[in-house]
Amino acid sequence: MKTLEEYMKLPYRMEIIPDAEEGGFAVSFPDLPGCLTCADTMEKALFNAQDAKKEWLAAAIEENIAIPEPSRADRETFRLDLPASLQKQLAENARREGISIDRYCLYLLAKHGSSAIQQ
């Protein structure tokens, strides 16, 4: 069995679901059943998600429950070349929100992704 730190470094897929009716965001880790959290803001939801993941993993280790490896079926990596002006704008917005540019882009995709992709 791996240590908590080793499990925390594994690339578990995170799903972020905006709550259109009441506001805020729900976050879950599909490979870790029952591991979910929510918050009013994206940055708090992302912070809570890491805390929920850590607590879920710690409890599983303590109870000697088998912890699944991250699924690979739907995980892909892609690179995106952005115009410098767009990258600068994304970086400024991410900095203003107090999160990394990667997390800010994830937020934008979670918020607008399905409608933007289906067009």
C-alpha atoms as a PDB file:
ATOM      1  CA  MET A   1       0.000   0.000   0.000  1.00  0.00           C
ATOM      2  CA  LYS A   2       1.237   3.481  -0.847  1.00  0.00           C
ATOM      3  CA  THR A   3       1.605   6.309   1.658  1.00  0.00           C
ATOM      4  CA  LEU A   4      -0.898   9.144   1.852  1.00  0.00           C
ATOM      5  CA  GLU A   5       1.597  11.461   0.153  1.00  0.00           C
ATOM      6  CA  GLU A   6       2.066   8.993  -2.709  1.00  0.00           C
ATOM      7  CA  TYR A   7      -1.693   8.697  -3.236  1.00  0.00           C
ATOM      8  CA  MET A   8      -2.110  12.489  -3.131  1.00  0.00           C
ATOM      9  CA  LYS A   9       0.342  12.817  -6.028  1.00  0.00           C
ATOM     10  CA  LEU A  10      -1.616  10.440  -8.265  1.00  0.00           C
ATOM     11  CA  PRO A  11      -3.672  12.097 -11.034  1.00  0.00           C
ATOM     12  CA  TYR A  12      -7.198  11.339  -9.861  1.00  0.00           C
ATOM     13  CA  ARG A  13      -9.763  12.925 -12.184  1.00  0.00           C
ATOM     14  CA  MET A  14     -11.719  15.749 -10.592  1.00  0.00           C
ATOM     15  CA  GLU A  15     -15.204  16.727 -11.756  1.00  0.00           C
ATOM     16  CA  ILE A  16     -16.420  20.261 -11.086  1.00  0.00           C
ATOM     17  CA  ILE A  17     -20.130  20.899 -11.436  1.00  0.00           C
ATOM     18  CA  PRO A  18     -21.474  24.459 -11.238  1.00  0.00           C
ATOM     19  CA  ASP A  19     -24.772  24.746  -9.356  1.00  0.00           C
ATOM     20  CA  ALA A  20     -26.853  26.886 -11.712  1.00  0.00           C
ATOM     21  CA  GLU A  21     -29.800  27.180  -9.306  1.00  0.00           C
ATOM     22  CA  GLU A  22     -28.155  28.058  -6.006  1.00  0.00           C
ATOM     23  CA  GLY A  23     -24.671  29.085  -7.123  1.00  0.00           C
ATOM     24  CA  GLY A  24     -21.410  27.581  -6.044  1.00  0.00           C
ATOM     25  CA  PHE A  25     -19.690  24.418  -7.181  1.00  0.00           C
ATOM     26  CA  ALA A  26     -19.742  20.718  -6.330  1.00  0.00           C
ATOM     27  CA  VAL A  27     -16.523  18.741  -6.788  1.00  0.00           C
ATOM     28  CA  SER A  28     -16.065  14.983  -6.855  1.00  0.00           C
ATOM     29  CA  PHE A  29     -13.413  12.395  -7.658  1.00  0.00           C
ATOM     30  CA  PRO A  30     -15.150   9.620  -9.656  1.00  0.00           C
ATOM     31  CA  ASP A  31     -12.434   7.058  -8.864  1.00  0.00           C
ATOM     32  CA  LEU A  32     -12.883   7.646  -5.112  1.00  0.00           C
ATOM     33  CA  PRO A  33     -16.532   6.733  -4.359  1.00  0.00           C
ATOM     34  CA  GLY A  34     -18.206   9.209  -2.034  1.00  0.00           C
ATOM     35  CA  CYS A  35     -15.340  11.700  -2.169  1.00  0.00           C
ATOM     36  CA  LEU A  36     -17.082  14.999  -2.817  1.00  0.00           C
ATOM     37  CA  THR A  37     -17.362  18.519  -1.520  1.00  0.00           C
ATOM     38  CA  CYS A  38     -18.849  21.872  -2.425  1.00  0.00           C
ATOM     39  CA  ALA A  39     -18.284  25.589  -1.918  1.00  0.00           C
ATOM     40  CA  ASP A  40     -19.583  28.994  -2.943  1.00  0.00           C
ATOM     41  CA  THR A  41     -16.524  29.953  -5.010  1.00  0.00           C
ATOM     42  CA  MET A  42     -14.293  28.070  -7.427  1.00  0.00           C
ATOM     43  CA  GLU A  43     -11.126  28.656  -5.409  1.00  0.00           C
ATOM     44  CA  LYS A  44     -12.764  27.425  -2.201  1.00  0.00           C
ATOM     45  CA  ALA A  45     -14.214  24.410  -4.039  1.00  0.00           C
ATOM     46  CA  LEU A  46     -10.754  23.498  -5.368  1.00  0.00           C
ATOM     47  CA  PHE A  47      -9.221  23.933  -1.904  1.00  0.00           C
ATOM     48  CA  ASN A  48     -11.999  21.838  -0.341  1.00  0.00           C
ATOM     49  CA  ALA A  49     -11.548  19.184  -3.032  1.00  0.00           C
ATOM     50  CA  GLN A  50      -7.908  18.615  -2.094  1.00  0.00           C
ATOM     51  CA  ASP A  51      -8.868  18.462   1.574  1.00  0.00           C
ATOM     52  CA  ALA A  52     -11.710  15.992   0.860  1.00  0.00           C
ATOM     53  CA  LYS A  53      -9.387  13.833  -1.247  1.00  0.00           C
ATOM     54  CA  LYS A  54      -6.768  13.806   1.520  1.00  0.00           C
ATOM     55  CA  GLU A  55      -9.321  12.889   4.209  1.00  0.00           C
ATOM     56  CA  TRP A  56     -10.883  10.191   2.008  1.00  0.00           C
ATOM     57  CA  LEU A  57      -7.493   8.630   1.314  1.00  0.00           C
ATOM     58  CA  ALA A  58      -6.390   8.867   4.963  1.00  0.00           C
ATOM     59  CA  ALA A  59      -9.577   7.150   6.130  1.00  0.00           C
ATOM     60  CA  ALA A  60      -9.191   4.389   3.529  1.00  0.00           C
ATOM     61  CA  ILE A  61      -5.590   3.796   4.588  1.00  0.00           C
ATOM     62  CA  GLU A  62      -6.529   3.754   8.277  1.00  0.00           C
ATOM     63  CA  GLU A  63      -9.390   1.305   7.657  1.00  0.00           C
ATOM     64  CA  ASN A  64      -7.234  -0.809   5.308  1.00  0.00           C
ATOM     65  CA  ILE A  65      -9.704  -0.274   2.445  1.00  0.00           C
ATOM     66  CA  ALA A  66      -8.420  -0.893  -1.070  1.00  0.00           C
ATOM     67  CA  ILE A  67      -7.780   2.389  -2.875  1.00  0.00           C
ATOM     68  CA  PRO A  68      -8.287   2.288  -6.635  1.00  0.00           C
ATOM     69  CA  GLU A  69      -5.645   3.636  -8.973  1.00  0.00           C
ATOM     70  CA  PRO A  70      -6.709   6.588 -11.129  1.00  0.00           C
ATOM     71  CA  SER A  71      -8.627   5.442 -14.194  1.00  0.00           C
ATOM     72  CA  ARG A  72      -6.891   5.929 -17.509  1.00  0.00           C
ATOM     73  CA  ALA A  73      -9.802   5.400 -19.878  1.00  0.00           C
ATOM     74  CA  ASP A  74     -10.858   9.013 -20.214  1.00  0.00           C
ATOM     75  CA  ARG A  75      -7.635  10.796 -19.321  1.00  0.00           C
ATOM     76  CA  GLU A  76      -5.846  12.567 -22.126  1.00  0.00           C
ATOM     77  CA  THR A  77      -3.281  15.308 -22.248  1.00  0.00           C
ATOM     78  CA  PHE A  78      -3.253  18.001 -24.845  1.00  0.00           C
ATOM     79  CA  ARG A  79      -1.259  21.123 -25.469  1.00  0.00           C
ATOM     80  CA  LEU A  80      -2.795  24.358 -26.555  1.00  0.00           C
ATOM     81  CA  ASP A  81      -0.876  27.199 -28.158  1.00  0.00           C
ATOM     82  CA  LEU A  82      -2.522  30.474 -27.199  1.00  0.00           C
ATOM     83  CA  PRO A  83      -1.979  33.950 -28.524  1.00  0.00           C
ATOM     84  CA  ALA A  84       0.150  35.903 -26.057  1.00  0.00           C
ATOM     85  CA  SER A  85      -2.669  38.367 -25.370  1.00  0.00           C
ATOM     86  CA  LEU A  86      -5.103  35.579 -24.411  1.00  0.00           C
ATOM     87  CA  GLN A  87      -2.527  33.848 -22.225  1.00  0.00           C
ATOM     88  CA  LYS A  88      -1.831  37.153 -20.468  1.00  0.00           C
ATOM     89  CA  GLN A  89      -5.552  37.732 -19.872  1.00  0.00           C
ATOM     90  CA  LEU A  90      -6.036  34.198 -18.508  1.00  0.00           C
ATOM     91  CA  ALA A  91      -3.011  34.594 -16.217  1.00  0.00           C
ATOM     92  CA  GLU A  92      -4.275  37.937 -14.900  1.00  0.00           C
ATOM     93  CA  ASN A  93      -7.751  36.530 -14.217  1.00  0.00           C
ATOM     94  CA  ALA A  94      -6.280  33.469 -12.497  1.00  0.00           C
ATOM     95  CA  ARG A  95      -4.042  35.652 -10.350  1.00  0.00           C
ATOM     96  CA  ARG A  96      -7.041  37.813  -9.405  1.00  0.00           C
ATOM     97  CA  GLU A  97      -8.931  34.663  -8.349  1.00  0.00           C
ATOM     98  CA  GLY A  98      -5.906  33.427  -6.393  1.00  0.00           C
ATOM     99  CA  ILE A  99      -5.556  30.175  -8.358  1.00  0.00           C
ATOM    100  CA  SER A 100      -3.202  28.774 -10.984  1.00  0.00           C
ATOM    101  CA  ILE A 101      -3.838  29.346 -14.675  1.00  0.00           C
ATOM    102  CA  ASP A 102      -4.471  25.583 -15.058  1.00  0.00           C
ATOM    103  CA  ARG A 103      -7.188  25.647 -12.413  1.00  0.00           C
ATOM    104  CA  TYR A 104      -8.665  28.820 -13.880  1.00  0.00           C
ATOM    105  CA  CYS A 105      -8.891  27.184 -17.314  1.00  0.00           C
ATOM    106  CA  LEU A 106     -10.461  24.106 -15.690  1.00  0.00           C
ATOM    107  CA  TYR A 107     -13.006  26.421 -14.073  1.00  0.00           C
ATOM    108  CA  LEU A 108     -13.804  28.034 -17.431  1.00  0.00           C
ATOM    109  CA  LEU A 109     -14.213  24.641 -19.078  1.00  0.00           C
ATOM    110  CA  ALA A 110     -16.435  23.400 -16.261  1.00  0.00           C
ATOM    111  CA  LYS A 111     -18.556  26.526 -16.443  1.00  0.00           C
ATOM    112  CA  HIS A 112     -18.793  26.877 -20.224  1.00  0.00           C
ATOM    113  CA  GLY A 113     -17.282  23.715 -21.652  1.00  0.00           C
ATOM    114  CA  SER A 114     -20.260  21.596 -22.578  1.00  0.00           C
ATOM    115  CA  SER A 115     -22.127  24.426 -24.294  1.00  0.00           C
ATOM    116  CA  ALA A 116     -18.993  25.633 -26.071  1.00  0.00           C
ATOM    117  CA  ILE A 117     -18.069  22.132 -27.268  1.00  0.00           C
ATOM    118  CA  GLN A 118     -21.544  21.334 -28.613  1.00  0.00           C
ATOM    119  CA  GLN A 119     -21.684  24.397 -30.865  1.00  0.00           C
END
